[in-house]
Structures are given as structure tokens and as C-alpha cells.
Amino acid sequence: MTPELPLSEELLPAVGTAATAELLDSSPRSHVWRVRTADGRLVVV
């Protein structure tokens, strides 16, 4: 099962729309993502 990108209602206004997302690291309790937003910024979530 692939984890889903955690863009909640709280994160969407700060991050914006994700154009691409790459899972960088995961554990049973957490996941770290590199997200490229629609406007080209890179964000780690």
C-alpha cells in the first residue's frame, strides 16, 4: 500500500497544489515527502 501525500486543509493554503511528489523516507509512524508545487517551489512535508 502506497502512503498518500498528507496535504490536509491546514497545509493546502501554505503549500498550494502539488504538481509532483516523491516519498523520501518512511517509517511505520511517519513519511517524509519532497513536493514540487504548481508554481515550481520545492517543499518538504
N, C-alpha and C. Protein backbone atom coordinates (compact mmCIF):
# COMPACT_ATOMS: atom_id res chain seq x y z
N MET A 1 0.83 -1.18 0.00
CA MET A 1 0.00 0.00 0.00
C MET A 1 0.88 1.25 0.00
N THR A 2 0.69 2.13 -0.96
CA THR A 2 1.46 3.35 -1.06
C THR A 2 0.84 4.42 -0.17
N PRO A 3 1.64 5.09 0.68
CA PRO A 3 1.09 6.16 1.51
C PRO A 3 0.65 7.34 0.65
N GLU A 4 -0.34 8.05 1.14
CA GLU A 4 -0.86 9.22 0.42
C GLU A 4 -0.17 10.49 0.90
N LEU A 5 -0.04 11.42 -0.01
CA LEU A 5 0.54 12.72 0.31
C LEU A 5 -0.37 13.43 1.31
N PRO A 6 0.18 13.87 2.46
CA PRO A 6 -0.64 14.40 3.55
C PRO A 6 -0.94 15.90 3.43
N LEU A 7 -1.58 16.31 2.37
CA LEU A 7 -1.94 17.73 2.24
C LEU A 7 -3.34 17.93 2.79
N SER A 8 -3.39 18.26 4.07
CA SER A 8 -4.66 18.47 4.76
C SER A 8 -5.16 19.89 4.48
N GLU A 9 -6.33 20.18 5.00
CA GLU A 9 -6.91 21.52 4.86
C GLU A 9 -5.99 22.60 5.42
N GLU A 10 -5.20 22.25 6.45
CA GLU A 10 -4.29 23.22 7.06
C GLU A 10 -3.06 23.46 6.17
N LEU A 11 -2.58 22.41 5.48
CA LEU A 11 -1.37 22.55 4.66
C LEU A 11 -1.64 23.14 3.28
N LEU A 12 -2.79 22.91 2.71
CA LEU A 12 -3.07 23.37 1.35
C LEU A 12 -2.85 24.88 1.15
N PRO A 13 -3.33 25.75 2.05
CA PRO A 13 -3.08 27.18 1.84
C PRO A 13 -1.60 27.55 1.89
N ALA A 14 -0.81 26.84 2.71
CA ALA A 14 0.61 27.15 2.85
C ALA A 14 1.43 26.58 1.70
N VAL A 15 1.11 25.36 1.27
CA VAL A 15 1.90 24.67 0.25
C VAL A 15 1.35 24.91 -1.15
N GLY A 16 0.06 24.90 -1.28
CA GLY A 16 -0.56 25.03 -2.60
C GLY A 16 -0.77 23.67 -3.24
N THR A 17 -1.04 23.67 -4.51
CA THR A 17 -1.31 22.43 -5.24
C THR A 17 -0.01 21.73 -5.59
N ALA A 18 0.04 20.43 -5.33
CA ALA A 18 1.23 19.64 -5.65
C ALA A 18 1.22 19.26 -7.12
N ALA A 19 2.34 19.54 -7.81
CA ALA A 19 2.49 19.10 -9.19
C ALA A 19 3.10 17.71 -9.21
N THR A 20 4.12 17.48 -8.36
CA THR A 20 4.74 16.17 -8.22
C THR A 20 5.08 15.95 -6.75
N ALA A 21 5.20 14.69 -6.37
CA ALA A 21 5.59 14.35 -5.00
C ALA A 21 6.43 13.09 -5.03
N GLU A 22 7.48 13.09 -4.21
CA GLU A 22 8.37 11.94 -4.12
C GLU A 22 8.53 11.57 -2.65
N LEU A 23 8.29 10.32 -2.32
CA LEU A 23 8.46 9.85 -0.96
C LEU A 23 9.96 9.71 -0.69
N LEU A 24 10.49 10.48 0.28
CA LEU A 24 11.91 10.46 0.59
C LEU A 24 12.26 9.43 1.64
N ASP A 25 11.42 9.30 2.66
CA ASP A 25 11.70 8.38 3.77
C ASP A 25 10.38 8.03 4.43
N SER A 26 10.32 6.83 4.97
CA SER A 26 9.11 6.45 5.69
C SER A 26 9.44 5.49 6.81
N SER A 27 8.60 5.50 7.80
CA SER A 27 8.67 4.58 8.91
C SER A 27 7.22 4.18 9.20
N PRO A 28 7.00 3.26 10.10
CA PRO A 28 5.61 2.89 10.40
C PRO A 28 4.76 4.06 10.90
N ARG A 29 5.40 5.09 11.46
CA ARG A 29 4.63 6.20 12.05
C ARG A 29 4.69 7.50 11.27
N SER A 30 5.60 7.63 10.30
CA SER A 30 5.71 8.90 9.60
C SER A 30 6.24 8.71 8.18
N HIS A 31 6.02 9.72 7.36
CA HIS A 31 6.50 9.74 5.98
C HIS A 31 7.05 11.14 5.68
N VAL A 32 8.12 11.22 4.91
CA VAL A 32 8.70 12.50 4.52
C VAL A 32 8.62 12.59 3.00
N TRP A 33 8.04 13.67 2.51
CA TRP A 33 7.82 13.86 1.07
C TRP A 33 8.54 15.10 0.56
N ARG A 34 9.04 15.04 -0.68
CA ARG A 34 9.52 16.22 -1.40
C ARG A 34 8.43 16.54 -2.42
N VAL A 35 7.87 17.74 -2.30
CA VAL A 35 6.75 18.14 -3.14
C VAL A 35 7.16 19.33 -4.00
N ARG A 36 6.92 19.25 -5.29
CA ARG A 36 7.08 20.40 -6.17
C ARG A 36 5.69 20.96 -6.39
N THR A 37 5.51 22.22 -6.02
CA THR A 37 4.21 22.85 -6.14
C THR A 37 3.95 23.27 -7.59
N ALA A 38 2.71 23.63 -7.86
CA ALA A 38 2.33 24.04 -9.21
C ALA A 38 3.11 25.27 -9.67
N ASP A 39 3.55 26.12 -8.72
CA ASP A 39 4.32 27.31 -9.09
C ASP A 39 5.83 27.07 -9.07
N GLY A 40 6.27 25.81 -8.90
CA GLY A 40 7.68 25.46 -9.02
C GLY A 40 8.48 25.39 -7.74
N ARG A 41 7.90 25.75 -6.62
CA ARG A 41 8.64 25.70 -5.34
C ARG A 41 8.81 24.25 -4.90
N LEU A 42 9.91 23.98 -4.17
CA LEU A 42 10.12 22.68 -3.54
C LEU A 42 9.81 22.80 -2.05
N VAL A 43 9.03 21.87 -1.55
CA VAL A 43 8.62 21.87 -0.14
C VAL A 43 8.80 20.46 0.40
N VAL A 44 9.30 20.31 1.61
CA VAL A 44 9.40 19.02 2.27
C VAL A 44 8.27 18.95 3.28
N VAL A 45 7.48 17.88 3.20
CA VAL A 45 6.31 17.69 4.08
C VAL A 45 6.49 16.38 4.81
